[in-house]
Amino acid sequence: MTKSLRIIISFCFLVNYSAYGQTLTGEQLLQYLQDFDSVYKSGFTASGTFRQDGMIKNWQFTTSSNQAAYQEDVEEILHPGKINRFIALRQVYYWGEEFHAKYAFVGKVSKTGKLAEWSRESPGLATAGSLNIDDPDAPTYTLPLNRTLMCLGRGYLKYIKEITDVESLENGFLSATASGLDRSLRPGAKWTLIIDPKAAYMVREAKFYKRGRDKPSLIITNSGTKWHGSFCVPEKIEWYGFSRLAVDKPYSSISKVIDKELLEYAKKTMKSPFLIHTDVSEQRMVPEFRTQYNAGQLFPKDYEGLDLEVLDYKSPSVKPKEDITLVGLKGKTPREQAPGQNDESRDVTSKQAESPDIKSSPPPGTITTDSGTKRVVAGIVLVLAGMSGIGYLTFRLCRR
């Protein structure tokens, strides 16, 4: 059955249930949400602006069946408190099957008002960069991806496992209570949803409750309806999470065309050489590996001869080549993430994404020789020296 046919059937069921005053079951509602969300999974591109933390930002988002990219630029400084402070002037995210990563272009502004436009080939006012890389299934840097979909009233099925209660409201909306995962993918979370069947089952309001909490930690609401081809989007959005985000007419464009240039730019941004001095945190290893790159350099700072194939963005389960010796990475292993390990401590990055003021660069990483290796080598040398001494004494005694 094609997606289009299933969506038409969903509308027919809606009319039937409405005519007889019947309420959908939780399983039926989950299926309808899945059908309408599938329109966005095959790939789409959207852009817009929003106001956050004393700044106006413009953003671009695109997704295909197996990749997604997001770029967010500060367009205007509204609050004088942002002057002469390090802020993320541009943030670029890339999600793929092998890794996902975030790159922040950090710099200062000297006055309020609009900033000059800057191309993707230029660092603009940025004087330093920060790159963070993580596993493709980790929730660390997924905030812009999830926020974009949730503000559209889509993408909630990632967190909802079962709808336990459905109620029809007088205005034609559906009220649902669901159990599932929190934003760090841990079980035990509670979600309440208000769904608008007439707007292609758009989620008009979502509240997220942490385990054992009566007060919601996240509230997302939207209103208005506008169609862009087969896409139904809201005209006003409010997001109450770590910070408040309010948007009127949030989507300047939305289409089924995948922005391949944005995908290529985002993926390229995560690899050296970088436009500016960059601190790198490779979080797919335990402990995480930190290093630095000077602008335009292919290899890390103060270290020549490093084989970048080890740091290439391949699955961490792929072992490095045996003939490669990477000083500083000995003893480091890919992160084996246990269930429930994605706790709120990993949501700190999400907080930084929503409030990206950066007062200082991440702690610089250093590449050092493994001290354990030094001890082993020293022990071997001592043993060999002892054996040589014994042999020499034995030889002299035999001569006598």
Protein backbone atom coordinates (compact mmCIF):
# COMPACT_ATOMS: atom_id res chain seq x y z
CA MET A 1 0.00 0.00 0.00
CA THR A 2 1.45 3.36 -1.00
CA LYS A 3 1.92 6.19 1.50
CA SER A 4 -0.56 8.40 -0.35
CA LEU A 5 -3.24 5.69 -0.26
CA ARG A 6 -2.69 5.08 3.43
CA ILE A 7 -3.05 8.80 4.16
CA ILE A 8 -6.30 8.95 2.18
CA ILE A 9 -7.61 5.94 4.10
CA SER A 10 -6.63 7.67 7.34
CA PHE A 11 -8.81 10.65 6.41
CA CYS A 12 -11.69 8.30 5.56
CA PHE A 13 -11.43 6.62 8.95
CA LEU A 14 -11.38 10.04 10.59
CA VAL A 15 -14.63 11.04 8.86
CA ASN A 16 -16.24 7.73 9.83
CA TYR A 17 -15.27 8.01 13.48
CA SER A 18 -16.36 11.66 13.64
CA ALA A 19 -19.72 10.92 12.07
CA TYR A 20 -20.57 8.31 14.68
CA GLY A 21 -19.03 10.14 17.61
CA GLN A 22 -16.43 7.43 18.19
CA THR A 23 -12.91 7.96 19.47
CA LEU A 24 -9.81 6.47 17.95
CA THR A 25 -7.88 3.85 19.88
CA GLY A 26 -4.28 4.46 20.90
CA GLU A 27 -3.00 2.03 18.26
CA GLN A 28 -5.03 3.70 15.50
CA LEU A 29 -3.78 7.14 16.49
CA LEU A 30 -0.18 5.92 16.52
CA GLN A 31 -0.66 4.56 13.00
CA TYR A 32 -2.10 7.86 11.75
CA LEU A 33 0.78 9.83 13.25
CA GLN A 34 3.21 7.47 11.59
CA ASP A 35 1.51 7.79 8.20
CA PHE A 36 1.59 11.58 8.20
CA ASP A 37 5.13 11.75 9.61
CA SER A 38 6.29 9.57 6.72
CA VAL A 39 5.76 12.51 4.35
CA TYR A 40 8.73 14.21 6.02
CA LYS A 41 11.00 11.16 6.30
CA SER A 42 11.61 10.82 2.58
CA GLY A 43 13.34 14.20 2.53
CA PHE A 44 12.46 17.89 2.67
CA THR A 45 14.07 21.31 3.06
CA ALA A 46 12.91 24.18 5.25
CA SER A 47 14.22 27.58 6.33
CA GLY A 48 13.10 30.43 8.54
CA THR A 49 13.97 32.78 11.40
CA PHE A 50 13.40 32.87 15.14
CA ARG A 51 14.16 35.04 18.16
CA GLN A 52 16.17 33.56 21.03
CA ASP A 53 18.30 34.88 23.90
CA GLY A 54 18.42 38.46 22.67
CA MET A 55 19.27 37.53 19.08
CA ILE A 56 17.47 36.95 15.80
CA LYS A 57 18.73 33.87 13.98
CA ASN A 58 18.04 32.45 10.56
CA TRP A 59 18.22 28.75 9.94
CA GLN A 60 18.24 26.20 7.14
CA PHE A 61 17.43 22.52 7.47
CA THR A 62 17.41 19.65 5.01
CA THR A 63 17.03 15.91 5.29
CA SER A 64 17.18 12.90 3.02
CA SER A 65 16.43 9.28 3.82
CA ASN A 66 19.78 8.79 5.59
CA GLN A 67 21.31 12.23 6.18
CA ALA A 68 20.33 15.58 7.65
CA ALA A 69 22.00 18.97 8.01
CA TYR A 70 21.23 22.18 9.85
CA GLN A 71 22.81 25.64 9.72
CA GLU A 72 21.96 28.46 12.10
CA ASP A 73 23.37 31.99 11.78
CA VAL A 74 23.03 35.00 14.07
CA GLU A 75 21.38 37.66 11.93
CA GLU A 76 20.88 40.48 14.42
CA ILE A 77 22.01 41.33 17.96
CA LEU A 78 19.11 42.76 19.97
CA HIS A 79 20.44 42.73 23.53
CA PRO A 80 23.53 44.78 24.53
CA GLY A 81 24.51 41.97 26.89
CA LYS A 82 25.77 40.03 23.85
CA ILE A 83 28.35 42.69 22.96
CA ASN A 84 32.02 41.74 23.40
CA ARG A 85 31.13 38.25 24.57
CA PHE A 86 32.04 35.04 22.85
CA ILE A 87 28.95 33.67 21.14
CA ALA A 88 28.27 31.04 18.52
CA LEU A 89 27.82 33.19 15.42
CA ARG A 90 27.17 30.15 13.26
CA GLN A 91 26.37 26.57 14.19
CA VAL A 92 26.44 23.70 11.71
CA TYR A 93 25.12 20.21 12.41
CA TYR A 94 25.44 17.03 10.40
CA TRP A 95 23.71 13.70 11.04
CA GLY A 96 24.62 10.58 9.10
CA GLU A 97 24.75 6.82 9.42
CA GLU A 98 28.38 6.81 10.59
CA PHE A 99 28.50 9.81 12.94
CA HIS A 100 26.84 13.03 13.86
CA ALA A 101 28.63 16.25 14.74
CA LYS A 102 28.30 19.91 15.62
CA TYR A 103 30.65 22.73 14.62
CA ALA A 104 30.40 26.19 16.23
CA PHE A 105 32.00 29.32 14.72
CA VAL A 106 32.75 31.43 17.80
CA GLY A 107 33.48 35.14 17.89
CA LYS A 108 32.59 38.55 19.34
CA VAL A 109 30.44 41.43 18.12
CA SER A 110 31.10 45.07 19.00
CA LYS A 111 27.60 46.55 18.71
CA THR A 112 23.93 45.74 18.48
CA GLY A 113 22.15 45.59 15.15
CA LYS A 114 22.30 43.43 12.06
CA LEU A 115 25.46 41.53 11.21
CA ALA A 116 26.98 41.53 7.75
CA GLU A 117 26.23 38.43 5.71
CA TRP A 118 29.11 36.00 5.33
CA SER A 119 29.56 33.13 2.95
CA ARG A 120 30.24 29.51 3.76
CA GLU A 121 33.78 29.93 2.44
CA SER A 122 34.57 32.60 5.05
CA PRO A 123 34.75 32.49 8.88
CA GLY A 124 33.15 35.94 9.10
CA LEU A 125 33.67 37.45 12.57
CA ALA A 126 34.50 34.06 14.07
CA THR A 127 37.99 33.72 15.54
CA ALA A 128 37.80 30.13 16.84
CA GLY A 129 35.92 26.94 16.16
CA SER A 130 34.67 24.04 18.24
CA LEU A 131 33.96 20.61 16.75
CA ASN A 132 32.21 17.82 18.66
CA ILE A 133 31.70 14.35 17.17
CA ASP A 134 29.54 11.55 18.56
CA ASP A 135 27.91 8.23 17.69
CA PRO A 136 25.08 8.38 15.14
CA ASP A 137 22.56 6.97 17.65
CA ALA A 138 23.57 9.21 20.57
CA PRO A 139 21.15 12.03 21.44
CA THR A 140 23.90 14.52 22.28
CA TYR A 141 23.62 16.91 19.34
CA THR A 142 20.16 16.11 18.01
CA LEU A 143 18.37 19.16 19.42
CA PRO A 144 18.07 21.17 16.16
CA LEU A 145 16.91 18.08 14.26
CA ASN A 146 14.27 17.18 16.84
CA ARG A 147 13.26 20.80 17.41
CA THR A 148 12.69 21.42 13.72
CA LEU A 149 10.39 18.41 13.41
CA MET A 150 8.59 18.98 16.72
CA CYS A 151 7.86 22.60 15.90
CA LEU A 152 6.29 21.30 12.70
CA GLY A 153 4.09 19.09 14.87
CA ARG A 154 5.96 15.98 13.71
CA GLY A 155 8.62 13.56 14.92
CA TYR A 156 7.14 12.64 18.29
CA LEU A 157 7.00 8.94 17.54
CA LYS A 158 10.73 8.76 18.24
CA TYR A 159 9.85 9.17 21.92
CA ILE A 160 6.36 7.66 22.16
CA LYS A 161 6.00 3.91 22.59
CA GLU A 162 2.35 3.59 23.60
CA ILE A 163 -0.68 5.87 23.66
CA THR A 164 -2.61 4.88 26.75
CA ASP A 165 -5.58 7.23 26.52
CA VAL A 166 -7.37 9.14 23.74
CA GLU A 167 -10.17 11.67 24.21
CA SER A 168 -12.11 13.75 21.67
CA LEU A 169 -12.36 17.46 22.50
CA GLU A 170 -15.19 19.82 21.62
CA ASN A 171 -13.09 21.73 19.08
CA GLY A 172 -12.43 18.54 17.12
CA PHE A 173 -8.93 18.03 18.47
CA LEU A 174 -7.75 14.82 20.11
CA SER A 175 -6.18 14.68 23.55
CA ALA A 176 -3.76 11.80 24.12
CA THR A 177 -1.62 10.55 27.00
CA ALA A 178 1.42 8.50 26.08
CA SER A 179 4.31 6.66 27.71
CA GLY A 180 7.74 6.41 26.19
CA LEU A 181 11.24 7.88 26.29
CA ASP A 182 12.69 11.17 27.44
CA ARG A 183 14.87 13.27 25.16
CA SER A 184 17.93 11.27 26.27
CA LEU A 185 16.11 8.11 25.13
CA ARG A 186 15.56 6.74 28.64
CA PRO A 187 12.30 4.93 29.43
CA GLY A 188 9.75 6.08 31.96
CA ALA A 189 8.80 9.43 30.41
CA LYS A 190 5.27 10.74 30.02
CA TRP A 191 3.94 12.79 27.11
CA THR A 192 0.60 14.52 26.65
CA LEU A 193 -0.43 15.56 23.14
CA ILE A 194 -3.14 17.70 21.56
CA ILE A 195 -3.58 16.61 17.94
CA ASP A 196 -5.41 18.36 15.12
CA PRO A 197 -6.82 15.76 12.66
CA LYS A 198 -7.90 18.45 10.20
CA ALA A 199 -4.31 19.69 9.89
CA ALA A 200 -2.94 16.29 8.81
CA TYR A 201 -2.75 15.09 12.41
CA MET A 202 -0.40 17.88 13.42
CA VAL A 203 0.58 17.87 17.10
CA ARG A 204 -0.66 21.27 18.29
CA GLU A 205 0.61 20.94 21.84
CA ALA A 206 3.10 18.58 23.46
CA LYS A 207 4.15 18.40 27.09
CA PHE A 208 7.00 16.23 28.27
CA TYR A 209 7.26 15.01 31.88
CA LYS A 210 10.36 13.43 33.34
CA ARG A 211 10.00 10.25 35.35
CA GLY A 212 8.20 10.97 38.62
CA ARG A 213 7.66 14.67 37.85
CA ASP A 214 4.28 16.41 37.85
CA LYS A 215 5.55 19.59 36.18
CA PRO A 216 6.42 19.45 32.45
CA SER A 217 10.05 20.00 31.49
CA LEU A 218 9.21 20.91 27.90
CA ILE A 219 6.13 22.54 26.36
CA ILE A 220 5.71 23.03 22.61
CA THR A 221 2.67 24.77 21.15
CA ASN A 222 1.71 25.98 17.69
CA SER A 223 -1.24 27.57 15.95
CA GLY A 224 -2.40 28.49 12.46
CA THR A 225 -2.28 26.31 9.37
CA LYS A 226 -0.51 26.85 6.09
CA TRP A 227 -0.01 24.36 3.28
CA HIS A 228 3.19 24.16 1.22
CA GLY A 229 2.26 21.52 -1.33
CA SER A 230 1.81 18.30 0.65
CA PHE A 231 3.34 19.84 3.79
CA CYS A 232 1.02 21.27 6.43
CA VAL A 233 2.87 23.67 8.75
CA PRO A 234 1.89 26.00 11.62
CA GLU A 235 2.07 29.79 11.41
CA LYS A 236 3.15 30.44 15.00
CA ILE A 237 5.32 28.40 17.37
CA GLU A 238 6.32 28.65 21.02
CA TRP A 239 8.95 26.43 22.66
CA TYR A 240 9.46 26.44 26.43
CA GLY A 241 12.47 24.34 27.34
CA PHE A 242 15.89 25.35 28.62
CA SER A 243 15.10 28.73 27.10
CA ARG A 244 12.08 30.33 25.46
CA LEU A 245 11.78 30.38 21.71
CA ALA A 246 8.89 32.20 20.08
CA VAL A 247 8.37 32.37 16.34
CA ASP A 248 5.76 34.13 14.21
CA LYS A 249 5.60 32.96 10.58
CA PRO A 250 8.55 30.63 11.22
CA TYR A 251 8.87 29.01 7.81
CA SER A 252 9.98 31.22 4.96
CA SER A 253 10.18 28.16 2.72
CA ILE A 254 9.53 24.44 2.81
CA SER A 255 9.69 21.94 -0.03
CA LYS A 256 10.38 18.35 -1.02
CA VAL A 257 13.63 19.34 -2.73
CA ILE A 258 16.67 18.12 -0.79
CA ASP A 259 19.36 20.80 -0.36
CA LYS A 260 22.40 18.79 -1.44
CA GLU A 261 24.69 21.81 -1.13
CA LEU A 262 23.81 22.17 2.56
CA LEU A 263 24.40 18.46 3.15
CA GLU A 264 27.81 18.61 1.47
CA TYR A 265 28.77 21.83 3.28
CA ALA A 266 27.79 20.43 6.68
CA LYS A 267 29.74 17.20 6.18
CA LYS A 268 32.78 19.09 4.85
CA THR A 269 32.70 21.45 7.85
CA MET A 270 33.36 18.49 10.16
CA LYS A 271 36.68 17.62 8.51
CA SER A 272 40.07 19.32 8.35
CA PRO A 273 41.42 21.61 7.07
CA PHE A 274 39.34 24.14 9.03
CA LEU A 275 38.87 27.83 8.28
CA ILE A 276 39.92 28.86 11.79
CA HIS A 277 41.74 27.45 14.80
CA THR A 278 39.56 24.58 15.99
CA ASP A 279 39.26 22.51 19.17
CA VAL A 280 38.10 18.97 18.43
CA SER A 281 36.39 16.56 20.81
CA GLU A 282 36.01 13.00 19.50
CA GLN A 283 33.40 11.51 21.83
CA ARG A 284 33.11 8.10 20.20
CA MET A 285 36.13 6.95 22.23
CA VAL A 286 36.54 6.35 25.96
CA PRO A 287 37.94 8.55 27.29
CA GLU A 288 37.06 11.13 24.68
CA PHE A 289 39.95 12.31 22.53
CA ARG A 290 40.71 16.03 22.39
CA THR A 291 43.07 17.85 20.08
CA GLN A 292 43.48 21.14 18.20
CA TYR A 293 43.98 22.19 14.61
CA ASN A 294 45.43 25.45 13.37
CA ALA A 295 43.59 27.19 10.55
CA GLY A 296 44.18 25.56 7.18
CA GLN A 297 46.17 22.64 8.61
CA LEU A 298 45.38 19.05 7.72
CA PHE A 299 47.05 17.63 10.84
CA PRO A 300 46.54 18.49 14.52
CA LYS A 301 48.53 21.26 16.13
CA ASP A 302 52.16 20.52 17.13
CA TYR A 303 52.05 17.00 15.79
CA GLU A 304 53.24 15.86 12.40
CA GLY A 305 52.75 12.49 10.83
CA LEU A 306 49.43 11.65 12.47
CA ASP A 307 47.49 9.26 10.26
CA LEU A 308 44.05 10.82 9.98
CA GLU A 309 42.51 7.55 8.87
CA VAL A 310 42.23 6.65 12.53
CA LEU A 311 40.25 9.81 13.15
CA ASP A 312 38.18 9.46 10.01
CA TYR A 313 34.45 9.36 10.50
CA LYS A 314 33.97 5.63 10.29
CA SER A 315 32.02 3.42 12.63
CA PRO A 316 33.98 3.11 15.90
CA SER A 317 33.49 -0.66 15.73
CA VAL A 318 35.97 -0.70 12.82
CA LYS A 319 39.39 -1.32 14.34
CA PRO A 320 42.32 0.88 13.24
CA LYS A 321 44.84 -0.69 10.91
CA GLU A 322 47.47 -2.76 12.74
CA ASP A 323 50.37 -0.90 11.17
CA ILE A 324 49.14 2.45 12.46
CA THR A 325 50.58 3.70 15.76
CA LEU A 326 48.65 6.65 17.08
CA VAL A 327 50.31 8.08 20.17
CA GLY A 328 47.68 9.29 22.61
CA LEU A 329 44.95 6.93 21.43
CA LYS A 330 46.42 3.74 22.88
CA GLY A 331 44.08 2.16 25.38
CA LYS A 332 41.10 4.14 24.12
CA THR A 333 38.10 2.12 23.08
CA PRO A 334 34.84 2.93 21.34
CA ARG A 335 32.12 3.93 23.76
CA GLU A 336 29.89 0.99 24.67
CA GLN A 337 26.75 2.71 25.77
CA ALA A 338 24.65 0.85 28.31
CA PRO A 339 20.87 1.25 28.40
CA GLY A 340 19.96 4.41 30.28
CA GLN A 341 23.43 5.89 29.99
CA ASN A 342 22.04 8.86 28.05
CA ASP A 343 21.10 10.81 31.15
CA GLU A 344 20.69 14.53 31.61
CA SER A 345 24.42 15.03 31.85
CA ARG A 346 24.56 14.48 28.08
CA ASP A 347 21.78 17.05 27.67
CA VAL A 348 24.24 19.78 28.66
CA THR A 349 25.15 20.07 25.00
CA SER A 350 21.49 20.56 24.18
CA LYS A 351 21.43 23.42 26.68
CA GLN A 352 24.46 24.94 24.99
CA ALA A 353 22.73 24.60 21.64
CA GLU A 354 19.78 26.63 22.89
CA SER A 355 21.94 29.08 24.87
CA PRO A 356 25.17 29.03 22.88
CA ASP A 357 27.10 31.76 24.75
CA ILE A 358 30.64 30.50 25.06
CA LYS A 359 32.78 32.22 27.65
CA SER A 360 35.88 30.17 26.90
CA SER A 361 37.10 27.60 24.44
CA PRO A 362 36.86 23.92 25.38
CA PRO A 363 39.87 22.62 27.30
CA PRO A 364 42.61 22.02 24.76
CA GLY A 365 43.53 18.40 24.25
CA THR A 366 47.06 17.17 24.34
CA ILE A 367 48.69 14.22 22.64
CA THR A 368 51.04 12.40 25.04
CA THR A 369 52.83 9.10 25.14
CA ASP A 370 50.96 6.47 27.19
CA SER A 371 52.63 6.26 30.64
CA GLY A 372 51.72 2.57 30.94
CA THR A 373 53.61 1.85 27.73
CA LYS A 374 56.67 3.65 29.13
CA ARG A 375 56.61 1.47 32.24
CA VAL A 376 56.33 -1.74 30.20
CA VAL A 377 59.26 -0.77 27.96
CA ALA A 378 61.38 0.17 30.98
CA GLY A 379 60.60 -3.18 32.60
CA ILE A 380 61.62 -5.09 29.49
CA VAL A 381 64.90 -3.16 29.29
CA LEU A 382 65.71 -3.99 32.94
CA VAL A 383 64.96 -7.68 32.43
CA LEU A 384 67.18 -7.85 29.35
CA ALA A 385 69.98 -6.04 31.17
CA GLY A 386 69.76 -8.48 34.07
CA MET A 387 69.85 -11.48 31.76
CA SER A 388 72.89 -10.07 29.96
CA GLY A 389 74.69 -9.59 33.28
CA ILE A 390 73.99 -13.14 34.42
CA GLY A 391 75.21 -14.52 31.10
CA TYR A 392 78.43 -12.54 31.33
CA LEU A 393 79.19 -13.75 34.87
CA THR A 394 78.50 -17.36 33.87
CA PHE A 395 80.88 -17.04 30.93
CA ARG A 396 83.69 -15.66 33.17
CA LEU A 397 83.24 -18.44 35.77
CA CYS A 398 83.46 -21.10 33.07
CA ARG A 399 86.69 -19.58 31.74
CA ARG A 400 88.22 -19.92 35.22
